[in-house]
């Protein structure tokens, strides 16, 4: 699935829908905390906001957790969608 890290972040939901219309059945989300890797991306609040626009039946979110202490991220990410 396409990585949403390459999207226009100001239009994340629009870009997600666009790649789904082109045939993607899942969306890759790179979750980076700025510790495990030097980059910082998004976390549970952004995933939750995106999920409101892309219901679970429409696409799977493949969340690649590049974070320190990933066990602390599991429940918040699950709740986010």
N, C-alpha and C. Protein backbone atom coordinates (compact mmCIF):
# COMPACT_ATOMS: atom_id res chain seq x y z
N UNK A 1 0.81 -1.19 0.00
CA UNK A 1 0.00 0.00 0.00
C UNK A 1 0.85 1.25 0.00
N UNK A 2 0.33 2.30 -0.50
CA UNK A 2 1.08 3.55 -0.57
C UNK A 2 1.31 4.16 0.82
N UNK A 3 2.47 4.75 0.98
CA UNK A 3 2.79 5.41 2.24
C UNK A 3 2.20 6.81 2.24
N UNK A 4 1.44 7.12 3.27
CA UNK A 4 0.85 8.45 3.35
C UNK A 4 1.86 9.50 3.76
N UNK A 5 3.06 9.08 4.12
CA UNK A 5 4.10 10.05 4.43
C UNK A 5 4.45 10.90 3.20
N UNK A 6 4.17 10.36 2.02
CA UNK A 6 4.44 11.07 0.77
C UNK A 6 3.29 11.99 0.37
N UNK A 7 2.25 12.04 1.17
CA UNK A 7 1.08 12.84 0.81
C UNK A 7 1.26 14.31 1.17
N UNK A 8 0.34 15.11 0.69
CA UNK A 8 0.25 16.51 1.10
C UNK A 8 -0.42 16.49 2.47
N UNK A 9 0.33 16.77 3.51
CA UNK A 9 -0.20 16.63 4.87
C UNK A 9 -1.38 17.56 5.15
N UNK A 10 -1.47 18.65 4.42
CA UNK A 10 -2.61 19.54 4.59
C UNK A 10 -3.88 18.95 3.97
N UNK A 11 -3.72 17.90 3.16
CA UNK A 11 -4.85 17.25 2.49
C UNK A 11 -4.77 15.73 2.66
N UNK A 12 -4.43 15.29 3.86
CA UNK A 12 -4.19 13.88 4.12
C UNK A 12 -5.38 12.99 3.74
N UNK A 13 -6.56 13.33 4.17
CA UNK A 13 -7.74 12.51 3.86
C UNK A 13 -8.01 12.50 2.36
N UNK A 14 -7.87 13.63 1.70
CA UNK A 14 -8.08 13.70 0.25
C UNK A 14 -7.10 12.79 -0.47
N UNK A 15 -5.82 12.86 -0.09
CA UNK A 15 -4.81 12.03 -0.73
C UNK A 15 -5.04 10.55 -0.45
N UNK A 16 -5.48 10.22 0.75
CA UNK A 16 -5.77 8.83 1.09
C UNK A 16 -6.89 8.30 0.21
N UNK A 17 -7.95 9.07 0.07
CA UNK A 17 -9.07 8.65 -0.79
C UNK A 17 -8.61 8.53 -2.24
N UNK A 18 -7.75 9.42 -2.67
CA UNK A 18 -7.26 9.41 -4.05
C UNK A 18 -6.54 8.10 -4.36
N UNK A 19 -5.63 7.67 -3.49
CA UNK A 19 -4.89 6.43 -3.77
C UNK A 19 -5.81 5.21 -3.63
N UNK A 20 -6.83 5.30 -2.78
CA UNK A 20 -7.78 4.19 -2.69
C UNK A 20 -8.59 4.07 -3.98
N UNK A 21 -8.98 5.20 -4.56
CA UNK A 21 -9.71 5.17 -5.83
C UNK A 21 -8.84 4.60 -6.95
N UNK A 22 -7.53 4.71 -6.80
CA UNK A 22 -6.61 4.16 -7.79
C UNK A 22 -6.31 2.69 -7.55
N UNK A 23 -6.91 2.09 -6.51
CA UNK A 23 -6.80 0.66 -6.30
C UNK A 23 -6.15 0.21 -5.01
N UNK A 24 -5.66 1.11 -4.18
CA UNK A 24 -5.05 0.69 -2.92
C UNK A 24 -6.12 0.12 -2.00
N UNK A 25 -5.83 -1.00 -1.35
CA UNK A 25 -6.78 -1.56 -0.40
C UNK A 25 -6.29 -1.42 1.04
N UNK A 26 -5.08 -0.90 1.20
CA UNK A 26 -4.59 -0.55 2.53
C UNK A 26 -3.68 0.65 2.42
N UNK A 27 -3.53 1.35 3.54
CA UNK A 27 -2.72 2.57 3.58
C UNK A 27 -1.60 2.38 4.59
N UNK A 28 -0.40 2.69 4.18
CA UNK A 28 0.77 2.55 5.05
C UNK A 28 1.01 3.86 5.80
N UNK A 29 1.04 3.77 7.12
CA UNK A 29 1.26 4.95 7.96
C UNK A 29 2.56 4.76 8.73
N UNK A 30 3.54 5.59 8.45
CA UNK A 30 4.81 5.56 9.18
C UNK A 30 4.66 6.40 10.44
N UNK A 31 4.69 5.74 11.58
CA UNK A 31 4.53 6.40 12.87
C UNK A 31 5.93 6.55 13.47
N UNK A 32 6.41 7.79 13.57
CA UNK A 32 7.76 8.06 14.06
C UNK A 32 7.70 9.02 15.24
N UNK A 33 8.45 8.71 16.29
CA UNK A 33 8.36 9.50 17.52
C UNK A 33 9.51 10.49 17.73
N UNK A 34 10.47 10.52 16.83
CA UNK A 34 11.60 11.43 17.00
C UNK A 34 12.67 10.90 17.94
N UNK A 35 12.47 9.70 18.48
CA UNK A 35 13.45 9.08 19.38
C UNK A 35 14.06 7.84 18.75
N UNK A 36 13.21 6.89 18.37
CA UNK A 36 13.68 5.65 17.74
C UNK A 36 14.35 5.97 16.41
N UNK A 37 13.77 6.90 15.70
CA UNK A 37 14.34 7.47 14.47
C UNK A 37 14.32 8.98 14.65
N UNK A 38 15.20 9.70 13.96
CA UNK A 38 15.25 11.16 14.18
C UNK A 38 14.04 11.92 13.65
N UNK A 39 13.30 11.33 12.74
CA UNK A 39 12.14 12.02 12.18
C UNK A 39 10.94 11.93 13.11
N UNK A 40 10.04 12.87 12.95
CA UNK A 40 8.80 12.91 13.72
C UNK A 40 7.66 12.95 12.71
N UNK A 41 6.71 12.06 12.85
CA UNK A 41 5.55 12.09 11.95
C UNK A 41 4.30 12.26 12.79
N UNK A 42 3.32 11.41 12.63
CA UNK A 42 2.07 11.59 13.37
C UNK A 42 1.86 10.47 14.37
N UNK A 43 0.91 10.69 15.24
CA UNK A 43 0.59 9.72 16.27
C UNK A 43 -0.90 9.44 16.30
N UNK A 44 -1.38 8.90 17.41
CA UNK A 44 -2.79 8.51 17.50
C UNK A 44 -3.81 9.60 17.15
N UNK A 45 -3.62 10.87 17.52
CA UNK A 45 -4.64 11.86 17.16
C UNK A 45 -4.82 12.03 15.65
N UNK A 46 -3.74 11.98 14.91
CA UNK A 46 -3.85 12.13 13.45
C UNK A 46 -4.47 10.87 12.84
N UNK A 47 -4.07 9.71 13.34
CA UNK A 47 -4.66 8.46 12.85
C UNK A 47 -6.16 8.45 13.12
N UNK A 48 -6.56 8.88 14.30
CA UNK A 48 -7.98 8.93 14.65
C UNK A 48 -8.73 9.90 13.73
N UNK A 49 -8.15 11.05 13.46
CA UNK A 49 -8.79 12.03 12.57
C UNK A 49 -8.93 11.46 11.16
N UNK A 50 -7.89 10.77 10.68
CA UNK A 50 -7.95 10.17 9.35
C UNK A 50 -8.99 9.06 9.30
N UNK A 51 -9.08 8.27 10.37
CA UNK A 51 -10.04 7.16 10.39
C UNK A 51 -11.46 7.66 10.27
N UNK A 52 -11.76 8.86 10.72
CA UNK A 52 -13.10 9.43 10.57
C UNK A 52 -13.46 9.60 9.10
N UNK A 53 -12.45 9.80 8.26
CA UNK A 53 -12.67 9.99 6.82
C UNK A 53 -12.55 8.69 6.03
N UNK A 54 -11.85 7.70 6.60
CA UNK A 54 -11.63 6.42 5.93
C UNK A 54 -12.08 5.31 6.89
N UNK A 55 -13.36 4.93 6.86
CA UNK A 55 -13.84 3.89 7.78
C UNK A 55 -13.07 2.58 7.61
N UNK A 56 -13.02 1.80 8.69
CA UNK A 56 -12.27 0.55 8.70
C UNK A 56 -12.64 -0.42 7.60
N UNK A 57 -13.90 -0.41 7.17
CA UNK A 57 -14.32 -1.30 6.09
C UNK A 57 -13.80 -0.88 4.73
N UNK A 58 -13.31 0.34 4.63
CA UNK A 58 -12.82 0.84 3.34
C UNK A 58 -11.34 0.58 3.14
N UNK A 59 -10.56 0.63 4.21
CA UNK A 59 -9.12 0.42 4.07
C UNK A 59 -8.51 0.05 5.41
N UNK A 60 -7.54 -0.82 5.35
CA UNK A 60 -6.74 -1.18 6.52
C UNK A 60 -5.65 -0.13 6.67
N UNK A 61 -5.37 0.26 7.89
CA UNK A 61 -4.22 1.13 8.17
C UNK A 61 -3.07 0.23 8.61
N UNK A 62 -2.05 0.17 7.80
CA UNK A 62 -0.84 -0.58 8.12
C UNK A 62 0.10 0.38 8.83
N UNK A 63 0.11 0.34 10.15
CA UNK A 63 0.88 1.29 10.95
C UNK A 63 2.26 0.72 11.28
N UNK A 64 3.27 1.36 10.73
CA UNK A 64 4.66 0.97 10.92
C UNK A 64 5.20 1.80 12.09
N UNK A 65 5.30 1.17 13.26
CA UNK A 65 5.70 1.88 14.47
C UNK A 65 7.23 1.95 14.58
N UNK A 66 7.77 3.08 14.23
CA UNK A 66 9.21 3.34 14.41
C UNK A 66 9.34 4.23 15.63
N UNK A 67 9.12 3.61 16.79
CA UNK A 67 9.02 4.35 18.04
C UNK A 67 9.79 3.64 19.14
N UNK A 68 10.25 4.40 20.10
CA UNK A 68 10.82 3.82 21.32
C UNK A 68 9.66 3.30 22.15
N UNK A 69 9.86 2.22 22.84
CA UNK A 69 8.85 1.62 23.70
C UNK A 69 7.52 1.39 22.97
N UNK A 70 7.55 0.60 21.91
CA UNK A 70 6.33 0.39 21.11
C UNK A 70 5.16 -0.18 21.90
N UNK A 71 5.46 -0.89 22.98
CA UNK A 71 4.36 -1.45 23.78
C UNK A 71 3.45 -0.36 24.34
N UNK A 72 3.98 0.84 24.52
CA UNK A 72 3.17 1.96 25.03
C UNK A 72 2.27 2.55 23.94
N UNK A 73 2.52 2.20 22.71
CA UNK A 73 1.77 2.75 21.59
C UNK A 73 0.64 1.84 21.13
N UNK A 74 0.64 0.59 21.52
CA UNK A 74 -0.30 -0.39 20.98
C UNK A 74 -1.76 0.00 21.27
N UNK A 75 -2.08 0.22 22.54
CA UNK A 75 -3.47 0.53 22.88
C UNK A 75 -3.90 1.89 22.31
N UNK A 76 -3.12 2.95 22.43
CA UNK A 76 -3.55 4.22 21.83
C UNK A 76 -3.75 4.13 20.31
N UNK A 77 -2.90 3.36 19.62
CA UNK A 77 -3.05 3.22 18.18
C UNK A 77 -4.29 2.39 17.85
N UNK A 78 -4.55 1.35 18.65
CA UNK A 78 -5.74 0.53 18.44
C UNK A 78 -6.99 1.39 18.61
N UNK A 79 -7.03 2.20 19.65
CA UNK A 79 -8.18 3.06 19.88
C UNK A 79 -8.34 4.12 18.78
N UNK A 80 -7.22 4.54 18.21
CA UNK A 80 -7.25 5.56 17.16
C UNK A 80 -7.84 5.02 15.87
N UNK A 81 -7.70 3.71 15.67
CA UNK A 81 -8.31 3.14 14.48
C UNK A 81 -7.39 2.38 13.61
